[in-house]
Amino acid sequence: VFTSSQPRASSLAEELTMNGIRNVDCLHAGMTRKE
């Protein structure tokens, strides 16, 4: 799922998880290398 910005990617991943969608993850350049 593609979003236009890093904050929106993180926000969407959180919203899906809170709504019971399983196995959701996030990936963008604002995360640490380990993340």
All heavy atoms as atom14 arrays in JSON, in Angstrom:
{
  "sequence": "VFTSSQPRASSLAEELTMNGIRNVDCLHAGMTRKE",
  "atom14_mask": [
    [1, 1, 1, 1, 1, 1, 1, 0, 0, 0, 0, 0, 0, 0],
    [1, 1, 1, 1, 1, 1, 1, 1, 1, 1, 1, 0, 0, 0],
    [1, 1, 1, 1, 1, 1, 1, 0, 0, 0, 0, 0, 0, 0],
    [1, 1, 1, 1, 1, 1, 0, 0, 0, 0, 0, 0, 0, 0],
    [1, 1, 1, 1, 1, 1, 0, 0, 0, 0, 0, 0, 0, 0],
    [1, 1, 1, 1, 1, 1, 1, 1, 1, 0, 0, 0, 0, 0],
    [1, 1, 1, 1, 1, 1, 1, 0, 0, 0, 0, 0, 0, 0],
    [1, 1, 1, 1, 1, 1, 1, 1, 1, 1, 1, 0, 0, 0],
    [1, 1, 1, 1, 1, 0, 0, 0, 0, 0, 0, 0, 0, 0],
    [1, 1, 1, 1, 1, 1, 0, 0, 0, 0, 0, 0, 0, 0],
    [1, 1, 1, 1, 1, 1, 0, 0, 0, 0, 0, 0, 0, 0],
    [1, 1, 1, 1, 1, 1, 1, 1, 0, 0, 0, 0, 0, 0],
    [1, 1, 1, 1, 1, 0, 0, 0, 0, 0, 0, 0, 0, 0],
    [1, 1, 1, 1, 1, 1, 1, 1, 1, 0, 0, 0, 0, 0],
    [1, 1, 1, 1, 1, 1, 1, 1, 1, 0, 0, 0, 0, 0],
    [1, 1, 1, 1, 1, 1, 1, 1, 0, 0, 0, 0, 0, 0],
    [1, 1, 1, 1, 1, 1, 1, 0, 0, 0, 0, 0, 0, 0],
    [1, 1, 1, 1, 1, 1, 1, 1, 0, 0, 0, 0, 0, 0],
    [1, 1, 1, 1, 1, 1, 1, 1, 0, 0, 0, 0, 0, 0],
    [1, 1, 1, 1, 0, 0, 0, 0, 0, 0, 0, 0, 0, 0],
    [1, 1, 1, 1, 1, 1, 1, 1, 0, 0, 0, 0, 0, 0],
    [1, 1, 1, 1, 1, 1, 1, 1, 1, 1, 1, 0, 0, 0],
    [1, 1, 1, 1, 1, 1, 1, 1, 0, 0, 0, 0, 0, 0],
    [1, 1, 1, 1, 1, 1, 1, 0, 0, 0, 0, 0, 0, 0],
    [1, 1, 1, 1, 1, 1, 1, 1, 0, 0, 0, 0, 0, 0],
    [1, 1, 1, 1, 1, 1, 0, 0, 0, 0, 0, 0, 0, 0],
    [1, 1, 1, 1, 1, 1, 1, 1, 0, 0, 0, 0, 0, 0],
    [1, 1, 1, 1, 1, 1, 1, 1, 1, 1, 0, 0, 0, 0],
    [1, 1, 1, 1, 1, 0, 0, 0, 0, 0, 0, 0, 0, 0],
    [1, 1, 1, 1, 0, 0, 0, 0, 0, 0, 0, 0, 0, 0],
    [1, 1, 1, 1, 1, 1, 1, 1, 0, 0, 0, 0, 0, 0],
    [1, 1, 1, 1, 1, 1, 1, 0, 0, 0, 0, 0, 0, 0],
    [1, 1, 1, 1, 1, 1, 1, 1, 1, 1, 1, 0, 0, 0],
    [1, 1, 1, 1, 1, 1, 1, 1, 1, 0, 0, 0, 0, 0],
    [1, 1, 1, 1, 1, 1, 1, 1, 1, 0, 0, 0, 0, 0]
  ],
  "atom14_positions": [
    [[0.86, -1.18, 0.0], [0.0, 0.0, 0.0], [0.9, 1.23, 0.0], [1.74, 1.39, 0.89], [-0.93, 0.02, 1.23], [-1.83, 1.25, 1.19], [-1.77, -1.25, 1.3], [0.0, 0.0, 0.0], [0.0, 0.0, 0.0], [0.0, 0.0, 0.0], [0.0, 0.0, 0.0], [0.0, 0.0, 0.0], [0.0, 0.0, 0.0], [0.0, 0.0, 0.0]],
    [[0.72, 2.1, -1.0], [1.57, 3.28, -1.14], [0.88, 4.54, -0.64], [-0.27, 4.81, -0.99], [1.98, 3.47, -2.6], [3.02, 2.5, -3.08], [2.66, 1.39, -3.83], [4.36, 2.69, -2.76], [3.61, 0.48, -4.26], [5.32, 1.79, -3.19], [4.95, 0.68, -3.94], [0.0, 0.0, 0.0], [0.0, 0.0, 0.0], [0.0, 0.0, 0.0]],
    [[1.62, 5.32, 0.17], [1.14, 6.61, 0.63], [2.11, 7.69, 0.15], [3.2, 7.4, -0.33], [1.07, 6.67, 2.17], [2.38, 6.49, 2.71], [0.16, 5.57, 2.7], [0.0, 0.0, 0.0], [0.0, 0.0, 0.0], [0.0, 0.0, 0.0], [0.0, 0.0, 0.0], [0.0, 0.0, 0.0], [0.0, 0.0, 0.0], [0.0, 0.0, 0.0]],
    [[1.72, 8.95, 0.33], [2.52, 10.06, -0.2], [3.59, 10.56, 0.75], [4.46, 11.33, 0.35], [1.6, 11.23, -0.57], [0.88, 11.67, 0.57], [0.0, 0.0, 0.0], [0.0, 0.0, 0.0], [0.0, 0.0, 0.0], [0.0, 0.0, 0.0], [0.0, 0.0, 0.0], [0.0, 0.0, 0.0], [0.0, 0.0, 0.0], [0.0, 0.0, 0.0]],
    [[3.55, 10.15, 2.02], [4.53, 10.67, 2.98], [4.79, 9.65, 4.08], [4.0, 8.73, 4.3], [4.04, 11.98, 3.6], [2.92, 11.76, 4.44], [0.0, 0.0, 0.0], [0.0, 0.0, 0.0], [0.0, 0.0, 0.0], [0.0, 0.0, 0.0], [0.0, 0.0, 0.0], [0.0, 0.0, 0.0], [0.0, 0.0, 0.0], [0.0, 0.0, 0.0]],
    [[5.9, 9.83, 4.78], [6.26, 8.93, 5.87], [5.26, 8.98, 7.02], [4.84, 7.92, 7.51], [7.67, 9.28, 6.36], [8.75, 9.07, 5.32], [10.09, 9.62, 5.76], [10.29, 9.97, 6.93], [11.03, 9.72, 4.84], [0.0, 0.0, 0.0], [0.0, 0.0, 0.0], [0.0, 0.0, 0.0], [0.0, 0.0, 0.0], [0.0, 0.0, 0.0]],
    [[4.84, 10.19, 7.48], [3.85, 10.22, 8.57], [2.55, 9.52, 8.2], [1.94, 8.84, 9.04], [3.63, 11.72, 8.8], [4.88, 12.38, 8.31], [5.31, 11.55, 7.14], [0.0, 0.0, 0.0], [0.0, 0.0, 0.0], [0.0, 0.0, 0.0], [0.0, 0.0, 0.0], [0.0, 0.0, 0.0], [0.0, 0.0, 0.0], [0.0, 0.0, 0.0]],
    [[2.13, 9.67, 6.95], [0.89, 9.01, 6.54], [1.05, 7.49, 6.5], [0.11, 6.74, 6.81], [0.44, 9.53, 5.18], [-0.2, 10.91, 5.25], [-0.51, 11.47, 3.88], [-1.59, 10.76, 3.19], [-2.88, 10.93, 3.42], [-3.27, 11.78, 4.37], [-3.79, 10.27, 2.74], [0.0, 0.0, 0.0], [0.0, 0.0, 0.0], [0.0, 0.0, 0.0]],
    [[2.23, 7.03, 6.12], [2.48, 5.58, 6.11], [2.39, 5.01, 7.52], [1.73, 3.99, 7.75], [3.86, 5.29, 5.5], [0.0, 0.0, 0.0], [0.0, 0.0, 0.0], [0.0, 0.0, 0.0], [0.0, 0.0, 0.0], [0.0, 0.0, 0.0], [0.0, 0.0, 0.0], [0.0, 0.0, 0.0], [0.0, 0.0, 0.0], [0.0, 0.0, 0.0]],
    [[3.04, 5.68, 8.47], [3.01, 5.22, 9.86], [1.59, 5.29, 10.43], [1.14, 4.38, 11.13], [3.95, 6.07, 10.71], [5.29, 5.95, 10.27], [0.0, 0.0, 0.0], [0.0, 0.0, 0.0], [0.0, 0.0, 0.0], [0.0, 0.0, 0.0], [0.0, 0.0, 0.0], [0.0, 0.0, 0.0], [0.0, 0.0, 0.0], [0.0, 0.0, 0.0]],
    [[0.9, 6.38, 10.11], [-0.46, 6.57, 10.61], [-1.4, 5.5, 10.06], [-2.22, 4.93, 10.79], [-0.97, 7.96, 10.21], [-2.33, 8.12, 10.53], [0.0, 0.0, 0.0], [0.0, 0.0, 0.0], [0.0, 0.0, 0.0], [0.0, 0.0, 0.0], [0.0, 0.0, 0.0], [0.0, 0.0, 0.0], [0.0, 0.0, 0.0], [0.0, 0.0, 0.0]],
    [[-1.27, 5.2, 8.77], [-2.14, 4.19, 8.15], [-1.88, 2.8, 8.72], [-2.82, 2.05, 8.98], [-1.94, 4.19, 6.64], [-2.82, 3.21, 5.85], [-4.3, 3.46, 6.12], [-2.53, 3.33, 4.35], [0.0, 0.0, 0.0], [0.0, 0.0, 0.0], [0.0, 0.0, 0.0], [0.0, 0.0, 0.0], [0.0, 0.0, 0.0], [0.0, 0.0, 0.0]],
    [[-0.61, 2.47, 8.92], [-0.28, 1.16, 9.5], [-0.9, 1.02, 10.89], [-1.45, -0.04, 11.24], [1.24, 0.99, 9.57], [0.0, 0.0, 0.0], [0.0, 0.0, 0.0], [0.0, 0.0, 0.0], [0.0, 0.0, 0.0], [0.0, 0.0, 0.0], [0.0, 0.0, 0.0], [0.0, 0.0, 0.0], [0.0, 0.0, 0.0], [0.0, 0.0, 0.0]],
    [[-0.84, 2.09, 11.66], [-1.43, 2.07, 13.01], [-2.94, 1.93, 12.95], [-3.54, 1.17, 13.71], [-1.04, 3.36, 13.74], [-1.55, 3.43, 15.17], [-1.15, 4.71, 15.87], [-0.38, 5.5, 15.29], [-1.62, 4.93, 17.0], [0.0, 0.0, 0.0], [0.0, 0.0, 0.0], [0.0, 0.0, 0.0], [0.0, 0.0, 0.0], [0.0, 0.0, 0.0]],
    [[-3.58, 2.67, 12.04], [-5.03, 2.62, 11.92], [-5.52, 1.23, 11.53], [-6.51, 0.72, 12.08], [-5.52, 3.65, 10.9], [-5.42, 5.09, 11.35], [-6.36, 5.42, 12.49], [-7.36, 4.7, 12.69], [-6.09, 6.39, 13.21], [0.0, 0.0, 0.0], [0.0, 0.0, 0.0], [0.0, 0.0, 0.0], [0.0, 0.0, 0.0], [0.0, 0.0, 0.0]],
    [[-4.84, 0.61, 10.57], [-5.25, -0.73, 10.14], [-5.12, -1.73, 11.29], [-6.01, -2.57, 11.51], [-4.41, -1.19, 8.95], [-4.6, -0.44, 7.64], [-3.72, -1.04, 6.55], [-6.06, -0.46, 7.2], [0.0, 0.0, 0.0], [0.0, 0.0, 0.0], [0.0, 0.0, 0.0], [0.0, 0.0, 0.0], [0.0, 0.0, 0.0], [0.0, 0.0, 0.0]],
    [[-4.02, -1.63, 12.04], [-3.82, -2.53, 13.17], [-4.9, -2.33, 14.23], [-5.44, -3.3, 14.77], [-2.43, -2.29, 13.79], [-1.42, -2.51, 12.78], [-2.18, -3.23, 14.95], [0.0, 0.0, 0.0], [0.0, 0.0, 0.0], [0.0, 0.0, 0.0], [0.0, 0.0, 0.0], [0.0, 0.0, 0.0], [0.0, 0.0, 0.0], [0.0, 0.0, 0.0]],
    [[-5.22, -1.07, 14.52], [-6.24, -0.77, 15.54], [-7.62, -1.22, 15.1], [-8.49, -1.45, 15.94], [-6.24, 0.73, 15.85], [-4.99, 1.22, 16.54], [-5.01, 2.99, 16.88], [-6.27, 3.08, 18.13], [0.0, 0.0, 0.0], [0.0, 0.0, 0.0], [0.0, 0.0, 0.0], [0.0, 0.0, 0.0], [0.0, 0.0, 0.0], [0.0, 0.0, 0.0]],
    [[-7.81, -1.37, 13.79], [-9.1, -1.83, 13.28], [-9.13, -3.34, 13.06], [-10.03, -3.85, 12.38], [-9.43, -1.11, 11.97], [-10.04, 0.27, 12.2], [-11.24, 0.4, 12.43], [-9.2, 1.3, 12.16], [0.0, 0.0, 0.0], [0.0, 0.0, 0.0], [0.0, 0.0, 0.0], [0.0, 0.0, 0.0], [0.0, 0.0, 0.0], [0.0, 0.0, 0.0]],
    [[-8.15, -4.03, 13.6], [-8.18, -5.48, 13.58], [-7.63, -6.14, 12.33], [-7.79, -7.35, 12.16], [0.0, 0.0, 0.0], [0.0, 0.0, 0.0], [0.0, 0.0, 0.0], [0.0, 0.0, 0.0], [0.0, 0.0, 0.0], [0.0, 0.0, 0.0], [0.0, 0.0, 0.0], [0.0, 0.0, 0.0], [0.0, 0.0, 0.0], [0.0, 0.0, 0.0]],
    [[-6.97, -5.37, 11.46], [-6.35, -5.96, 10.28], [-5.05, -6.64, 10.7], [-4.2, -6.03, 11.35], [-6.07, -4.91, 9.19], [-7.35, -4.13, 8.87], [-5.52, -5.57, 7.93], [-8.47, -4.95, 8.33], [0.0, 0.0, 0.0], [0.0, 0.0, 0.0], [0.0, 0.0, 0.0], [0.0, 0.0, 0.0], [0.0, 0.0, 0.0], [0.0, 0.0, 0.0]],
    [[-4.87, -7.88, 10.32], [-3.74, -8.68, 10.8], [-2.47, -8.47, 9.98], [-2.52, -8.16, 8.79], [-4.11, -10.16, 10.78], [-5.27, -10.54, 11.68], [-5.63, -11.99, 11.49], [-4.51, -12.89, 11.74], [-4.48, -14.17, 11.39], [-5.52, -14.7, 10.77], [-3.41, -14.9, 11.64], [0.0, 0.0, 0.0], [0.0, 0.0, 0.0], [0.0, 0.0, 0.0]],
    [[-1.33, -8.66, 10.66], [0.0, -8.72, 10.03], [0.3, -7.51, 9.15], [0.69, -7.64, 8.0], [0.13, -10.0, 9.19], [-0.04, -11.26, 10.03], [-0.36, -11.2, 11.21], [0.17, -12.41, 9.43], [0.0, 0.0, 0.0], [0.0, 0.0, 0.0], [0.0, 0.0, 0.0], [0.0, 0.0, 0.0], [0.0, 0.0, 0.0], [0.0, 0.0, 0.0]],
    [[0.13, -6.33, 9.73], [0.42, -5.07, 9.03], [1.79, -4.57, 9.45], [2.15, -4.64, 10.62], [-0.65, -4.0, 9.35], [-0.33, -2.69, 8.63], [-2.03, -4.49, 8.95], [0.0, 0.0, 0.0], [0.0, 0.0, 0.0], [0.0, 0.0, 0.0], [0.0, 0.0, 0.0], [0.0, 0.0, 0.0], [0.0, 0.0, 0.0], [0.0, 0.0, 0.0]],
    [[2.56, -4.07, 8.49], [3.88, -3.53, 8.79], [4.09, -2.25, 7.99], [3.29, -1.91, 7.12], [4.98, -4.54, 8.46], [6.18, -4.41, 9.4], [6.37, -3.33, 9.99], [6.93, -5.4, 9.53], [0.0, 0.0, 0.0], [0.0, 0.0, 0.0], [0.0, 0.0, 0.0], [0.0, 0.0, 0.0], [0.0, 0.0, 0.0], [0.0, 0.0, 0.0]],
    [[5.18, -1.56, 8.3], [5.45, -0.26, 7.69], [6.92, -0.22, 7.24], [7.79, -0.85, 7.86], [5.17, 0.84, 8.72], [5.15, 2.5, 8.03], [0.0, 0.0, 0.0], [0.0, 0.0, 0.0], [0.0, 0.0, 0.0], [0.0, 0.0, 0.0], [0.0, 0.0, 0.0], [0.0, 0.0, 0.0], [0.0, 0.0, 0.0], [0.0, 0.0, 0.0]],
    [[7.19, 0.51, 6.16], [8.56, 0.65, 5.67], [8.72, 1.99, 4.98], [8.03, 2.28, 4.01], [8.9, -0.48, 4.69], [10.3, -0.42, 4.04], [11.39, -0.55, 5.1], [10.45, -1.52, 3.0], [0.0, 0.0, 0.0], [0.0, 0.0, 0.0], [0.0, 0.0, 0.0], [0.0, 0.0, 0.0], [0.0, 0.0, 0.0], [0.0, 0.0, 0.0]],
    [[9.61, 2.84, 5.51], [9.91, 4.12, 4.86], [11.26, 4.64, 5.36], [11.83, 4.12, 6.33], [8.81, 5.15, 5.09], [8.51, 5.44, 6.53], [9.37, 6.13, 7.35], [7.41, 5.14, 7.29], [8.84, 6.25, 8.55], [7.66, 5.65, 8.55], [0.0, 0.0, 0.0], [0.0, 0.0, 0.0], [0.0, 0.0, 0.0], [0.0, 0.0, 0.0]],
    [[11.77, 5.66, 4.69], [13.12, 6.16, 4.97], [13.24, 6.85, 6.32], [14.35, 7.08, 6.81], [13.54, 7.13, 3.86], [0.0, 0.0, 0.0], [0.0, 0.0, 0.0], [0.0, 0.0, 0.0], [0.0, 0.0, 0.0], [0.0, 0.0, 0.0], [0.0, 0.0, 0.0], [0.0, 0.0, 0.0], [0.0, 0.0, 0.0], [0.0, 0.0, 0.0]],
    [[12.12, 7.19, 6.95], [12.17, 7.84, 8.25], [12.44, 6.88, 9.39], [12.68, 7.31, 10.52], [0.0, 0.0, 0.0], [0.0, 0.0, 0.0], [0.0, 0.0, 0.0], [0.0, 0.0, 0.0], [0.0, 0.0, 0.0], [0.0, 0.0, 0.0], [0.0, 0.0, 0.0], [0.0, 0.0, 0.0], [0.0, 0.0, 0.0], [0.0, 0.0, 0.0]],
    [[12.42, 5.6, 9.12], [12.69, 4.59, 10.14], [14.19, 4.39, 10.28], [14.96, 4.73, 9.37], [12.0, 3.27, 9.75], [10.49, 3.39, 9.62], [9.73, 1.99, 8.74], [10.12, 0.62, 9.81], [0.0, 0.0, 0.0], [0.0, 0.0, 0.0], [0.0, 0.0, 0.0], [0.0, 0.0, 0.0], [0.0, 0.0, 0.0], [0.0, 0.0, 0.0]],
    [[14.63, 3.84, 11.41], [16.04, 3.55, 11.59], [16.45, 2.4, 10.68], [15.58, 1.66, 10.18], [16.37, 3.16, 13.04], [15.7, 1.91, 13.34], [15.88, 4.24, 14.01], [0.0, 0.0, 0.0], [0.0, 0.0, 0.0], [0.0, 0.0, 0.0], [0.0, 0.0, 0.0], [0.0, 0.0, 0.0], [0.0, 0.0, 0.0], [0.0, 0.0, 0.0]],
    [[17.72, 2.25, 10.47], [18.2, 1.17, 9.6], [17.77, -0.19, 10.14], [17.34, -1.06, 9.36], [19.72, 1.24, 9.49], [20.31, 0.16, 8.61], [21.82, 0.31, 8.46], [22.38, -0.74, 7.64], [23.67, -0.84, 7.35], [24.52, 0.06, 7.8], [24.11, -1.84, 6.6], [0.0, 0.0, 0.0], [0.0, 0.0, 0.0], [0.0, 0.0, 0.0]],
    [[17.87, -0.37, 11.45], [17.46, -1.64, 12.06], [15.97, -1.89, 11.84], [15.55, -3.02, 11.53], [17.77, -1.6, 13.57], [17.36, -2.84, 14.35], [18.19, -4.05, 13.95], [18.08, -5.2, 14.93], [16.7, -5.63, 15.23], [0.0, 0.0, 0.0], [0.0, 0.0, 0.0], [0.0, 0.0, 0.0], [0.0, 0.0, 0.0], [0.0, 0.0, 0.0]],
    [[15.15, -0.86, 12.0], [13.71, -1.0, 11.8], [13.39, -1.37, 10.36], [12.54, -2.23, 10.1], [13.0, 0.3, 12.17], [12.98, 0.6, 13.66], [12.44, 1.97, 13.97], [12.51, 2.87, 13.08], [11.96, 2.18, 15.11], [0.0, 0.0, 0.0], [0.0, 0.0, 0.0], [0.0, 0.0, 0.0], [0.0, 0.0, 0.0], [0.0, 0.0, 0.0]]
  ]
}
